[in-house]
Amino acid sequence: MTDIIVIGAGVAGMTAALNALRNGKTVLILEQETLGGQISFSPRVENFPTITQITGMELADRLYEQVTALGAEVELEKVERIEQQGNVFNVISEDDKSFTARSVIIATGVKSRRFTIPGEEELEGKGISYCALCDGAFYKGQEVALIGDGNTALQYAILLSSYCPKVYVCTLFDKFFGDKALVKVLETKENIEVVHNISAIRFEGESELTGVTFKRQDNSEFTLNVKACFVAIGQVPKNEAFKNIVDLDNEGYIISNETCATRTLGVFAAGDCRTKDVRQLTTAASDGAVAGYAASQYIDQNF
């Protein structure tokens, strides 16, 4: 029996664990893929208080070291569902392992959004990537395309421009929606060419990517002949496994209040996976602190 199970080892999840541990609770963190979550793929983090600049991976590593030093247990498990039995919860993993806790904090974050256009599924990992930090270096010295208009897209474009002779940044609208500071940096890069008001309609190639076909606003088409395309068009939640225990909004985000509490007493949601207006590193940490404290208070009052 663990006091609190945290599902997700991103910034929200590990901050929740940190606060619960400091409140004297035992904590088990279950993570499906990457310690640190989405931020671990960010090449530069410049919006976290007191830290001028740090890589996402370094920030994640520091947080992991902090929570494990305080006694958090971490296991790599994909959670399939949560079952309530009386006043405790059984968290069931993909390989049918069961973990029991008095309270659960869901901090599963989000995953990269897909286009679902012809060629995407077949060519993923064969020229199509959703992480420039992970795969960008494989295309050093080559022309590449990047699709997206937010902070992640801007960061990826700037990173790629450091070792690719040409980076085509393709956007659906006529402007960027990321931080102005990043836009200014991008505009200084002579090897970045921005193409606004186009939409991707097809990925070309059979065994590997050979190009991306776009449609202009006048419905004419053109193809960028590149061997790599990085897609950064936003994120979507992955909360379907928990719909028996929490309410989801129309987009699939967990509905929770200002204390991160869900409709089920003892179950909390923190970070990008929950309904909120701003999804940033600092708000994830804030949610984690609130959820960790709220779950600890719940246990103190009910056990």
C-alpha atoms as a PDB file:
ATOM      1  CA  MET A   1       0.000   0.000   0.000  1.00  0.00           C
ATOM      2  CA  THR A   2       1.357   3.384  -1.075  1.00  0.00           C
ATOM      3  CA  ASP A   3      -0.030   6.685   0.135  1.00  0.00           C
ATOM      4  CA  ILE A   4      -0.014   8.328  -3.289  1.00  0.00           C
ATOM      5  CA  ILE A   5       0.474   6.996  -6.805  1.00  0.00           C
ATOM      6  CA  VAL A   6       1.444   9.626  -9.361  1.00  0.00           C
ATOM      7  CA  ILE A   7       0.750   8.639 -12.965  1.00  0.00           C
ATOM      8  CA  GLY A   8       3.293  10.488 -15.096  1.00  0.00           C
ATOM      9  CA  ALA A   9       6.852  11.611 -14.441  1.00  0.00           C
ATOM     10  CA  GLY A  10       6.704  15.001 -16.119  1.00  0.00           C
ATOM     11  CA  VAL A  11       7.222  18.277 -14.297  1.00  0.00           C
ATOM     12  CA  ALA A  12       3.681  18.223 -12.882  1.00  0.00           C
ATOM     13  CA  GLY A  13       3.943  14.634 -11.705  1.00  0.00           C
ATOM     14  CA  MET A  14       7.374  14.945 -10.132  1.00  0.00           C
ATOM     15  CA  THR A  15       6.495  18.258  -8.469  1.00  0.00           C
ATOM     16  CA  ALA A  16       3.390  16.591  -7.024  1.00  0.00           C
ATOM     17  CA  ALA A  17       5.602  13.791  -5.705  1.00  0.00           C
ATOM     18  CA  LEU A  18       8.016  16.333  -4.248  1.00  0.00           C
ATOM     19  CA  ASN A  19       5.288  18.082  -2.273  1.00  0.00           C
ATOM     20  CA  ALA A  20       3.702  14.845  -1.104  1.00  0.00           C
ATOM     21  CA  LEU A  21       7.058  13.520   0.086  1.00  0.00           C
ATOM     22  CA  ARG A  22       7.717  16.731   1.985  1.00  0.00           C
ATOM     23  CA  ASN A  23       4.355  16.179   3.655  1.00  0.00           C
ATOM     24  CA  GLY A  24       5.521  12.804   4.919  1.00  0.00           C
ATOM     25  CA  LYS A  25       3.715  10.624   2.380  1.00  0.00           C
ATOM     26  CA  THR A  26       5.016   7.593   0.504  1.00  0.00           C
ATOM     27  CA  VAL A  27       4.941   8.038  -3.268  1.00  0.00           C
ATOM     28  CA  LEU A  28       5.131   5.732  -6.275  1.00  0.00           C
ATOM     29  CA  ILE A  29       5.531   7.327  -9.711  1.00  0.00           C
ATOM     30  CA  LEU A  30       4.449   5.309 -12.740  1.00  0.00           C
ATOM     31  CA  GLU A  31       5.771   6.548 -16.081  1.00  0.00           C
ATOM     32  CA  GLN A  32       5.008   5.088 -19.489  1.00  0.00           C
ATOM     33  CA  GLU A  33       7.737   6.578 -21.664  1.00  0.00           C
ATOM     34  CA  THR A  34      10.098   9.424 -20.782  1.00  0.00           C
ATOM     35  CA  LEU A  35      11.156  10.775 -17.408  1.00  0.00           C
ATOM     36  CA  GLY A  36      10.504  14.492 -17.576  1.00  0.00           C
ATOM     37  CA  GLY A  37       7.696  14.275 -20.115  1.00  0.00           C
ATOM     38  CA  GLN A  38       7.473  16.683 -23.067  1.00  0.00           C
ATOM     39  CA  ILE A  39       9.908  19.208 -21.575  1.00  0.00           C
ATOM     40  CA  SER A  40      12.742  16.679 -21.741  1.00  0.00           C
ATOM     41  CA  PHE A  41      12.716  17.118 -25.540  1.00  0.00           C
ATOM     42  CA  SER A  42      13.120  20.900 -25.369  1.00  0.00           C
ATOM     43  CA  PRO A  43      16.635  22.055 -26.341  1.00  0.00           C
ATOM     44  CA  ARG A  44      16.328  25.329 -24.397  1.00  0.00           C
ATOM     45  CA  VAL A  45      14.188  26.331 -21.435  1.00  0.00           C
ATOM     46  CA  GLU A  46      14.306  30.042 -20.671  1.00  0.00           C
ATOM     47  CA  ASN A  47      10.991  30.706 -18.907  1.00  0.00           C
ATOM     48  CA  PHE A  48      11.518  28.930 -15.588  1.00  0.00           C
ATOM     49  CA  PRO A  49      12.036  31.299 -12.620  1.00  0.00           C
ATOM     50  CA  THR A  50      15.630  31.652 -11.314  1.00  0.00           C
ATOM     51  CA  ILE A  51      17.105  29.666 -14.243  1.00  0.00           C
ATOM     52  CA  THR A  52      18.272  31.827 -17.155  1.00  0.00           C
ATOM     53  CA  GLN A  53      18.734  28.892 -19.506  1.00  0.00           C
ATOM     54  CA  ILE A  54      18.725  25.110 -19.181  1.00  0.00           C
ATOM     55  CA  THR A  55      17.942  22.142 -21.402  1.00  0.00           C
ATOM     56  CA  GLY A  56      14.688  20.339 -20.773  1.00  0.00           C
ATOM     57  CA  MET A  57      16.556  17.102 -20.160  1.00  0.00           C
ATOM     58  CA  GLU A  58      18.803  18.668 -17.535  1.00  0.00           C
ATOM     59  CA  LEU A  59      15.804  20.166 -15.750  1.00  0.00           C
ATOM     60  CA  ALA A  60      14.036  16.796 -15.773  1.00  0.00           C
ATOM     61  CA  ASP A  61      17.147  15.036 -14.464  1.00  0.00           C
ATOM     62  CA  ARG A  62      17.485  17.494 -11.588  1.00  0.00           C
ATOM     63  CA  LEU A  63      13.851  17.040 -10.597  1.00  0.00           C
ATOM     64  CA  TYR A  64      14.138  13.255 -10.806  1.00  0.00           C
ATOM     65  CA  GLU A  65      17.220  13.276  -8.584  1.00  0.00           C
ATOM     66  CA  GLN A  66      15.422  15.516  -6.106  1.00  0.00           C
ATOM     67  CA  VAL A  67      12.331  13.337  -5.709  1.00  0.00           C
ATOM     68  CA  THR A  68      14.187  10.031  -5.617  1.00  0.00           C
ATOM     69  CA  ALA A  69      16.563  11.409  -2.982  1.00  0.00           C
ATOM     70  CA  LEU A  70      13.498  12.112  -0.840  1.00  0.00           C
ATOM     71  CA  GLY A  71      12.309   8.529  -1.248  1.00  0.00           C
ATOM     72  CA  ALA A  72      10.027   8.417  -4.275  1.00  0.00           C
ATOM     73  CA  GLU A  73       9.860   5.084  -6.068  1.00  0.00           C
ATOM     74  CA  VAL A  74       9.704   5.166  -9.854  1.00  0.00           C
ATOM     75  CA  GLU A  75       8.604   2.358 -12.161  1.00  0.00           C
ATOM     76  CA  LEU A  76       8.256   2.297 -15.941  1.00  0.00           C
ATOM     77  CA  GLU A  77       4.712   1.080 -16.458  1.00  0.00           C
ATOM     78  CA  LYS A  78       1.916   1.982 -18.863  1.00  0.00           C
ATOM     79  CA  VAL A  79      -1.247   2.481 -16.852  1.00  0.00           C
ATOM     80  CA  GLU A  80      -4.366   0.930 -18.369  1.00  0.00           C
ATOM     81  CA  ARG A  81      -6.998   1.904 -15.811  1.00  0.00           C
ATOM     82  CA  ILE A  82      -7.838   2.894 -12.253  1.00  0.00           C
ATOM     83  CA  GLU A  83     -10.247   0.830 -10.175  1.00  0.00           C
ATOM     84  CA  GLN A  84     -11.755   2.059  -6.919  1.00  0.00           C
ATOM     85  CA  GLN A  85     -12.274  -0.400  -4.082  1.00  0.00           C
ATOM     86  CA  GLY A  86     -13.857   1.243  -1.074  1.00  0.00           C
ATOM     87  CA  ASN A  87     -11.596   4.114  -0.086  1.00  0.00           C
ATOM     88  CA  VAL A  88      -8.482   2.872  -1.915  1.00  0.00           C
ATOM     89  CA  PHE A  89      -7.493   2.707  -5.578  1.00  0.00           C
ATOM     90  CA  ASN A  90      -5.938  -0.050  -7.662  1.00  0.00           C
ATOM     91  CA  VAL A  91      -3.878   1.228 -10.571  1.00  0.00           C
ATOM     92  CA  ILE A  92      -3.602  -1.478 -13.238  1.00  0.00           C
ATOM     93  CA  SER A  93      -0.719  -1.503 -15.706  1.00  0.00           C
ATOM     94  CA  GLU A  94      -0.582  -2.793 -19.281  1.00  0.00           C
ATOM     95  CA  ASP A  95       1.012  -6.080 -18.192  1.00  0.00           C
ATOM     96  CA  ASP A  96      -1.709  -6.531 -15.559  1.00  0.00           C
ATOM     97  CA  LYS A  97       0.326  -5.451 -12.547  1.00  0.00           C
ATOM     98  CA  SER A  98      -1.729  -3.868  -9.781  1.00  0.00           C
ATOM     99  CA  PHE A  99      -0.552  -1.042  -7.520  1.00  0.00           C
ATOM    100  CA  THR A 100      -2.641   0.122  -4.555  1.00  0.00           C
ATOM    101  CA  ALA A 101      -2.792   3.608  -3.069  1.00  0.00           C
ATOM    102  CA  ARG A 102      -4.915   5.808  -0.845  1.00  0.00           C
ATOM    103  CA  SER A 103      -4.857   8.615  -3.409  1.00  0.00           C
ATOM    104  CA  VAL A 104      -3.970   9.006  -7.096  1.00  0.00           C
ATOM    105  CA  ILE A 105      -2.633  12.009  -8.991  1.00  0.00           C
ATOM    106  CA  ILE A 106      -3.023  11.826 -12.770  1.00  0.00           C
ATOM    107  CA  ALA A 107      -0.298  13.825 -14.526  1.00  0.00           C
ATOM    108  CA  THR A 108      -0.123  12.161 -17.925  1.00  0.00           C
ATOM    109  CA  GLY A 109       0.525  15.322 -19.911  1.00  0.00           C
ATOM    110  CA  VAL A 110      -0.141  15.364 -23.640  1.00  0.00           C
ATOM    111  CA  LYS A 111       1.170  13.706 -26.798  1.00  0.00           C
ATOM    112  CA  SER A 112       2.094  15.162 -30.171  1.00  0.00           C
ATOM    113  CA  ARG A 113      -0.828  15.821 -32.486  1.00  0.00           C
ATOM    114  CA  ARG A 114      -0.875  13.973 -35.814  1.00  0.00           C
ATOM    115  CA  PHE A 115      -2.164  15.174 -39.184  1.00  0.00           C
ATOM    116  CA  THR A 116      -3.732  11.876 -40.338  1.00  0.00           C
ATOM    117  CA  ILE A 117      -3.001  12.717 -43.976  1.00  0.00           C
ATOM    118  CA  PRO A 118      -1.776  10.267 -46.663  1.00  0.00           C
ATOM    119  CA  GLY A 119       1.729   8.964 -46.069  1.00  0.00           C
ATOM    120  CA  GLU A 120       2.031  10.087 -42.453  1.00  0.00           C
ATOM    121  CA  GLU A 121       1.550   6.737 -40.755  1.00  0.00           C
ATOM    122  CA  GLU A 122       3.671   4.867 -43.307  1.00  0.00           C
ATOM    123  CA  LEU A 123       6.587   7.325 -43.168  1.00  0.00           C
ATOM    124  CA  GLU A 124       6.707   8.077 -39.447  1.00  0.00           C
ATOM    125  CA  GLY A 125      10.276   7.407 -38.377  1.00  0.00           C
ATOM    126  CA  LYS A 126      11.329   7.310 -42.038  1.00  0.00           C
ATOM    127  CA  GLY A 127      11.679  11.030 -42.469  1.00  0.00           C
ATOM    128  CA  ILE A 128       8.696  12.241 -40.466  1.00  0.00           C
ATOM    129  CA  SER A 129       9.494  13.140 -36.867  1.00  0.00           C
ATOM    130  CA  TYR A 130       7.662  14.856 -34.019  1.00  0.00           C
ATOM    131  CA  CYS A 131      10.835  15.666 -32.097  1.00  0.00           C
ATOM    132  CA  ALA A 132      13.642  17.720 -33.629  1.00  0.00           C
ATOM    133  CA  LEU A 133      15.746  17.326 -30.507  1.00  0.00           C
ATOM    134  CA  CYS A 134      15.554  13.542 -30.850  1.00  0.00           C
ATOM    135  CA  ASP A 135      16.018  13.202 -34.603  1.00  0.00           C
ATOM    136  CA  GLY A 136      17.283  16.501 -35.986  1.00  0.00           C
ATOM    137  CA  ALA A 137      20.964  15.586 -35.903  1.00  0.00           C
ATOM    138  CA  PHE A 138      20.320  12.691 -38.311  1.00  0.00           C
ATOM    139  CA  TYR A 139      19.686  15.278 -41.017  1.00  0.00           C
ATOM    140  CA  LYS A 140      22.715  17.484 -40.459  1.00  0.00           C
ATOM    141  CA  GLY A 141      23.768  19.127 -43.733  1.00  0.00           C
ATOM    142  CA  GLN A 142      20.370  18.517 -45.395  1.00  0.00           C
ATOM    143  CA  GLU A 143      17.429  20.755 -46.195  1.00  0.00           C
ATOM    144  CA  VAL A 144      14.453  20.033 -43.943  1.00  0.00           C
ATOM    145  CA  ALA A 145      10.883  21.191 -43.425  1.00  0.00           C
ATOM    146  CA  LEU A 146       9.123  22.017 -40.202  1.00  0.00           C
ATOM    147  CA  ILE A 147       5.349  22.415 -39.834  1.00  0.00           C
ATOM    148  CA  GLY A 148       3.958  24.435 -36.936  1.00  0.00           C
ATOM    149  CA  ASP A 149       3.519  27.934 -35.558  1.00  0.00           C
ATOM    150  CA  GLY A 150       3.814  27.715 -31.756  1.00  0.00           C
ATOM    151  CA  ASN A 151       6.676  27.755 -29.264  1.00  0.00           C
ATOM    152  CA  THR A 152       7.715  24.168 -29.907  1.00  0.00           C
ATOM    153  CA  ALA A 153       7.862  24.781 -33.655  1.00  0.00           C
ATOM    154  CA  LEU A 154       9.883  27.960 -33.172  1.00  0.00           C
ATOM    155  CA  GLN A 155      12.361  26.232 -30.858  1.00  0.00           C
ATOM    156  CA  TYR A 156      12.730  23.307 -33.247  1.00  0.00           C
ATOM    157  CA  ALA A 157      13.318  25.612 -36.225  1.00  0.00           C
ATOM    158  CA  ILE A 158      16.028  27.538 -34.396  1.00  0.00           C
ATOM    159  CA  LEU A 159      17.700  24.288 -33.339  1.00  0.00           C
ATOM    160  CA  LEU A 160      17.581  22.818 -36.852  1.00  0.00           C
ATOM    161  CA  SER A 161      19.004  26.003 -38.357  1.00  0.00           C
ATOM    162  CA  SER A 162      22.221  25.416 -36.428  1.00  0.00           C
ATOM    163  CA  TYR A 163      23.150  22.370 -38.524  1.00  0.00           C
ATOM    164  CA  CYS A 164      20.845  22.317 -41.555  1.00  0.00           C
ATOM    165  CA  PRO A 165      21.654  24.596 -44.519  1.00  0.00           C
ATOM    166  CA  LYS A 166      17.958  25.323 -45.118  1.00  0.00           C
ATOM    167  CA  VAL A 167      14.909  25.056 -42.884  1.00  0.00           C
ATOM    168  CA  TYR A 168      11.479  25.637 -44.381  1.00  0.00           C
ATOM    169  CA  VAL A 169       9.016  26.668 -41.674  1.00  0.00           C
ATOM    170  CA  CYS A 170       5.477  26.065 -42.903  1.00  0.00           C
ATOM    171  CA  THR A 171       2.418  27.506 -41.162  1.00  0.00           C
ATOM    172  CA  LEU A 172      -1.321  27.265 -41.715  1.00  0.00           C
ATOM    173  CA  PHE A 173      -1.948  30.923 -40.907  1.00  0.00           C
ATOM    174  CA  ASP A 174      -0.138  34.180 -41.635  1.00  0.00           C
ATOM    175  CA  LYS A 175       1.599  34.549 -38.276  1.00  0.00           C
ATOM    176  CA  PHE A 176       3.248  32.717 -35.395  1.00  0.00           C
ATOM    177  CA  PHE A 177       1.502  32.042 -32.090  1.00  0.00           C
ATOM    178  CA  GLY A 178       4.606  31.579 -29.949  1.00  0.00           C
ATOM    179  CA  ASP A 179       6.592  33.911 -27.729  1.00  0.00           C
ATOM    180  CA  LYS A 180       7.752  37.127 -29.407  1.00  0.00           C
ATOM    181  CA  ALA A 181      11.291  36.529 -28.145  1.00  0.00           C
ATOM    182  CA  LEU A 182      11.484  33.258 -30.084  1.00  0.00           C
ATOM    183  CA  VAL A 183      10.006  34.858 -33.199  1.00  0.00           C
ATOM    184  CA  LYS A 184      12.710  37.547 -33.076  1.00  0.00           C
ATOM    185  CA  VAL A 185      15.460  34.922 -32.845  1.00  0.00           C
ATOM    186  CA  LEU A 186      13.974  32.974 -35.748  1.00  0.00           C
ATOM    187  CA  GLU A 187      13.853  36.112 -37.888  1.00  0.00           C
ATOM    188  CA  THR A 188      17.612  36.563 -37.500  1.00  0.00           C
ATOM    189  CA  LYS A 189      18.355  33.154 -39.038  1.00  0.00           C
ATOM    190  CA  GLU A 190      19.209  33.627 -42.716  1.00  0.00           C
ATOM    191  CA  ASN A 191      18.825  29.933 -43.501  1.00  0.00           C
ATOM    192  CA  ILE A 192      15.220  29.781 -42.267  1.00  0.00           C
ATOM    193  CA  GLU A 193      12.548  30.413 -44.895  1.00  0.00           C
ATOM    194  CA  VAL A 194       9.023  30.946 -43.574  1.00  0.00           C
ATOM    195  CA  VAL A 195       6.084  29.976 -45.791  1.00  0.00           C
ATOM    196  CA  HIS A 196       2.717  31.122 -44.383  1.00  0.00           C
ATOM    197  CA  ASN A 197      -0.858  30.255 -45.355  1.00  0.00           C
ATOM    198  CA  ILE A 198      -0.313  26.700 -46.569  1.00  0.00           C
ATOM    199  CA  SER A 199      -1.640  23.341 -45.398  1.00  0.00           C
ATOM    200  CA  ALA A 200       0.048  19.952 -45.679  1.00  0.00           C
ATOM    201  CA  ILE A 201      -2.051  17.499 -47.677  1.00  0.00           C
ATOM    202  CA  ARG A 202       0.296  14.600 -48.394  1.00  0.00           C
ATOM    203  CA  PHE A 203       3.674  13.112 -47.474  1.00  0.00           C
ATOM    204  CA  GLU A 204       5.544  11.756 -50.496  1.00  0.00           C
ATOM    205  CA  GLY A 205       7.695   8.647 -50.651  1.00  0.00           C
ATOM    206  CA  GLU A 206       7.499   4.897 -50.211  1.00  0.00           C
ATOM    207  CA  SER A 207      10.269   3.481 -48.041  1.00  0.00           C
ATOM    208  CA  GLU A 208      11.407   6.956 -46.966  1.00  0.00           C
ATOM    209  CA  LEU A 209      10.195  10.551 -47.156  1.00  0.00           C
ATOM    210  CA  THR A 210      10.987  12.354 -50.396  1.00  0.00           C
ATOM    211  CA  GLY A 211       8.834  15.455 -49.994  1.00  0.00           C
ATOM    212  CA  VAL A 212       5.784  17.158 -48.527  1.00  0.00           C
ATOM    213  CA  THR A 213       2.936  18.401 -50.691  1.00  0.00           C
ATOM    214  CA  PHE A 214       1.078  21.536 -49.587  1.00  0.00           C
ATOM    215  CA  LYS A 215      -2.021  23.402 -50.718  1.00  0.00           C
ATOM    216  CA  ARG A 216      -2.050  27.194 -50.972  1.00  0.00           C
ATOM    217  CA  GLN A 217      -5.085  29.344 -50.207  1.00  0.00           C
ATOM    218  CA  ASP A 218      -5.921  29.492 -53.931  1.00  0.00           C
ATOM    219  CA  ASN A 219      -6.041  25.648 -53.909  1.00  0.00           C
ATOM    220  CA  SER A 220      -2.885  25.308 -56.002  1.00  0.00           C
ATOM    221  CA  GLU A 221      -0.407  22.689 -54.830  1.00  0.00           C
ATOM    222  CA  PHE A 222       3.371  22.509 -54.546  1.00  0.00           C
ATOM    223  CA  THR A 223       5.871  20.033 -53.125  1.00  0.00           C
ATOM    224  CA  LEU A 224       8.912  20.702 -50.955  1.00  0.00           C
ATOM    225  CA  ASN A 225      11.475  18.060 -51.853  1.00  0.00           C
ATOM    226  CA  VAL A 226      12.976  17.253 -48.456  1.00  0.00           C
ATOM    227  CA  LYS A 227      14.024  14.048 -46.771  1.00  0.00           C
ATOM    228  CA  ALA A 228      12.935  15.166 -43.306  1.00  0.00           C
ATOM    229  CA  CYS A 229       9.843  16.904 -42.000  1.00  0.00           C
ATOM    230  CA  PHE A 230       9.366  17.801 -38.349  1.00  0.00           C
ATOM    231  CA  VAL A 231       5.763  18.163 -37.218  1.00  0.00           C
ATOM    232  CA  ALA A 232       4.957  20.464 -34.287  1.00  0.00           C
ATOM    233  CA  ILE A 233       1.243  21.241 -34.557  1.00  0.00           C
ATOM    234  CA  GLY A 234       0.272  20.973 -30.926  1.00  0.00           C
ATOM    235  CA  GLN A 235      -0.591  18.291 -28.422  1.00  0.00           C
ATOM    236  CA  VAL A 236      -3.595  16.209 -27.435  1.00  0.00           C
ATOM    237  CA  PRO A 237      -4.411  14.610 -24.054  1.00  0.00           C
ATOM    238  CA  LYS A 238      -4.337  10.874 -23.446  1.00  0.00           C
ATOM    239  CA  ASN A 239      -6.917  10.379 -20.715  1.00  0.00           C
ATOM    240  CA  GLU A 240      -9.285   7.784 -22.170  1.00  0.00           C
ATOM    241  CA  ALA A 241      -8.027   5.168 -19.721  1.00  0.00           C
ATOM    242  CA  PHE A 242      -9.405   7.196 -16.812  1.00  0.00           C
ATOM    243  CA  LYS A 243     -12.873   8.146 -18.040  1.00  0.00           C
ATOM    244  CA  ASN A 244     -14.454   5.706 -15.585  1.00  0.00           C
ATOM    245  CA  ILE A 245     -13.004   7.673 -12.683  1.00  0.00           C
ATOM    246  CA  VAL A 246     -12.845  11.298 -13.915  1.00  0.00           C
ATOM    247  CA  ASP A 247     -14.885  13.548 -16.194  1.00  0.00           C
ATOM    248  CA  LEU A 248     -13.380  14.639 -19.516  1.00  0.00           C
ATOM    249  CA  ASP A 249     -14.213  17.743 -21.539  1.00  0.00           C
ATOM    250  CA  ASN A 250     -14.942  17.714 -25.285  1.00  0.00           C
ATOM    251  CA  GLU A 251     -11.218  17.658 -26.116  1.00  0.00           C
ATOM    252  CA  GLY A 252     -10.412  14.885 -23.664  1.00  0.00           C
ATOM    253  CA  TYR A 253      -8.874  16.966 -20.876  1.00  0.00           C
ATOM    254  CA  ILE A 254      -9.637  16.030 -17.263  1.00  0.00           C
ATOM    255  CA  ILE A 255     -12.093  18.364 -15.560  1.00  0.00           C
ATOM    256  CA  SER A 256     -10.749  19.470 -12.180  1.00  0.00           C
ATOM    257  CA  ASN A 257     -11.041  22.434  -9.851  1.00  0.00           C
ATOM    258  CA  GLU A 258      -8.482  24.863  -8.429  1.00  0.00           C
ATOM    259  CA  THR A 259      -7.279  22.240  -5.942  1.00  0.00           C
ATOM    260  CA  CYS A 260      -6.800  19.837  -8.878  1.00  0.00           C
ATOM    261  CA  ALA A 261      -9.570  17.624  -7.472  1.00  0.00           C
ATOM    262  CA  THR A 262     -11.672  15.562  -9.904  1.00  0.00           C
ATOM    263  CA  ARG A 263     -15.188  14.184  -9.475  1.00  0.00           C
ATOM    264  CA  THR A 264     -13.802  11.196  -7.561  1.00  0.00           C
ATOM    265  CA  LEU A 265     -12.754  11.890  -3.989  1.00  0.00           C
ATOM    266  CA  GLY A 266      -9.050  11.097  -3.642  1.00  0.00           C
ATOM    267  CA  VAL A 267      -8.218  11.422  -7.346  1.00  0.00           C
ATOM    268  CA  PHE A 268      -6.471  14.568  -8.574  1.00  0.00           C
ATOM    269  CA  ALA A 269      -5.236  15.821 -11.954  1.00  0.00           C
ATOM    270  CA  ALA A 270      -2.181  18.011 -12.515  1.00  0.00           C
ATOM    271  CA  GLY A 271      -0.435  19.605 -15.466  1.00  0.00           C
ATOM    272  CA  ASP A 272      -1.237  19.670 -19.163  1.00  0.00           C
ATOM    273  CA  CYS A 273      -3.676  16.753 -18.959  1.00  0.00           C
ATOM    274  CA  ARG A 274      -6.304  18.830 -17.144  1.00  0.00           C
ATOM    275  CA  THR A 275      -8.612  21.655 -18.191  1.00  0.00           C
ATOM    276  CA  LYS A 276      -6.780  24.985 -18.001  1.00  0.00           C
ATOM    277  CA  ASP A 277      -6.082  28.114 -20.035  1.00  0.00           C
ATOM    278  CA  VAL A 278      -2.282  28.162 -19.883  1.00  0.00           C
ATOM    279  CA  ARG A 279      -0.093  25.098 -20.387  1.00  0.00           C
ATOM    280  CA  GLN A 280       3.505  25.970 -19.586  1.00  0.00           C
ATOM    281  CA  LEU A 281       6.319  24.593 -17.486  1.00  0.00           C
ATOM    282  CA  THR A 282       5.553  26.909 -14.585  1.00  0.00           C
ATOM    283  CA  THR A 283       1.839  26.092 -14.560  1.00  0.00           C
ATOM    284  CA  ALA A 284       2.666  22.381 -14.590  1.00  0.00           C
ATOM    285  CA  ALA A 285       4.883  22.848 -11.548  1.00  0.00           C
ATOM    286  CA  SER A 286       2.155  24.929  -9.888  1.00  0.00           C
ATOM    287  CA  ASP A 287      -0.440  22.214 -10.491  1.00  0.00           C
ATOM    288  CA  GLY A 288       1.940  19.613  -9.124  1.00  0.00           C
ATOM    289  CA  ALA A 289       2.461  21.571  -5.922  1.00  0.00           C
ATOM    290  CA  VAL A 290      -1.291  22.054  -5.464  1.00  0.00           C
ATOM    291  CA  ALA A 291      -2.145  18.429  -6.221  1.00  0.00           C
ATOM    292  CA  GLY A 292       0.619  17.043  -4.003  1.00  0.00           C
ATOM    293  CA  TYR A 293      -0.562  19.135  -1.084  1.00  0.00           C
ATOM    294  CA  ALA A 294      -4.263  18.409  -1.725  1.00  0.00           C
ATOM    295  CA  ALA A 295      -3.688  14.647  -1.929  1.00  0.00           C
ATOM    296  CA  SER A 296      -1.681  14.743   1.312  1.00  0.00           C
ATOM    297  CA  GLN A 297      -4.429  16.718   3.029  1.00  0.00           C
ATOM    298  CA  TYR A 298      -7.038  14.265   1.731  1.00  0.00           C
ATOM    299  CA  ILE A 299      -5.132  11.346   3.267  1.00  0.00           C
ATOM    300  CA  ASP A 300      -4.671  13.148   6.580  1.00  0.00           C
ATOM    301  CA  GLN A 301      -8.406  13.779   6.791  1.00  0.00           C
ATOM    302  CA  ASN A 302      -9.636  10.361   5.675  1.00  0.00           C
ATOM    303  CA  PHE A 303      -7.175   7.734   6.957  1.00  0.00           C
END
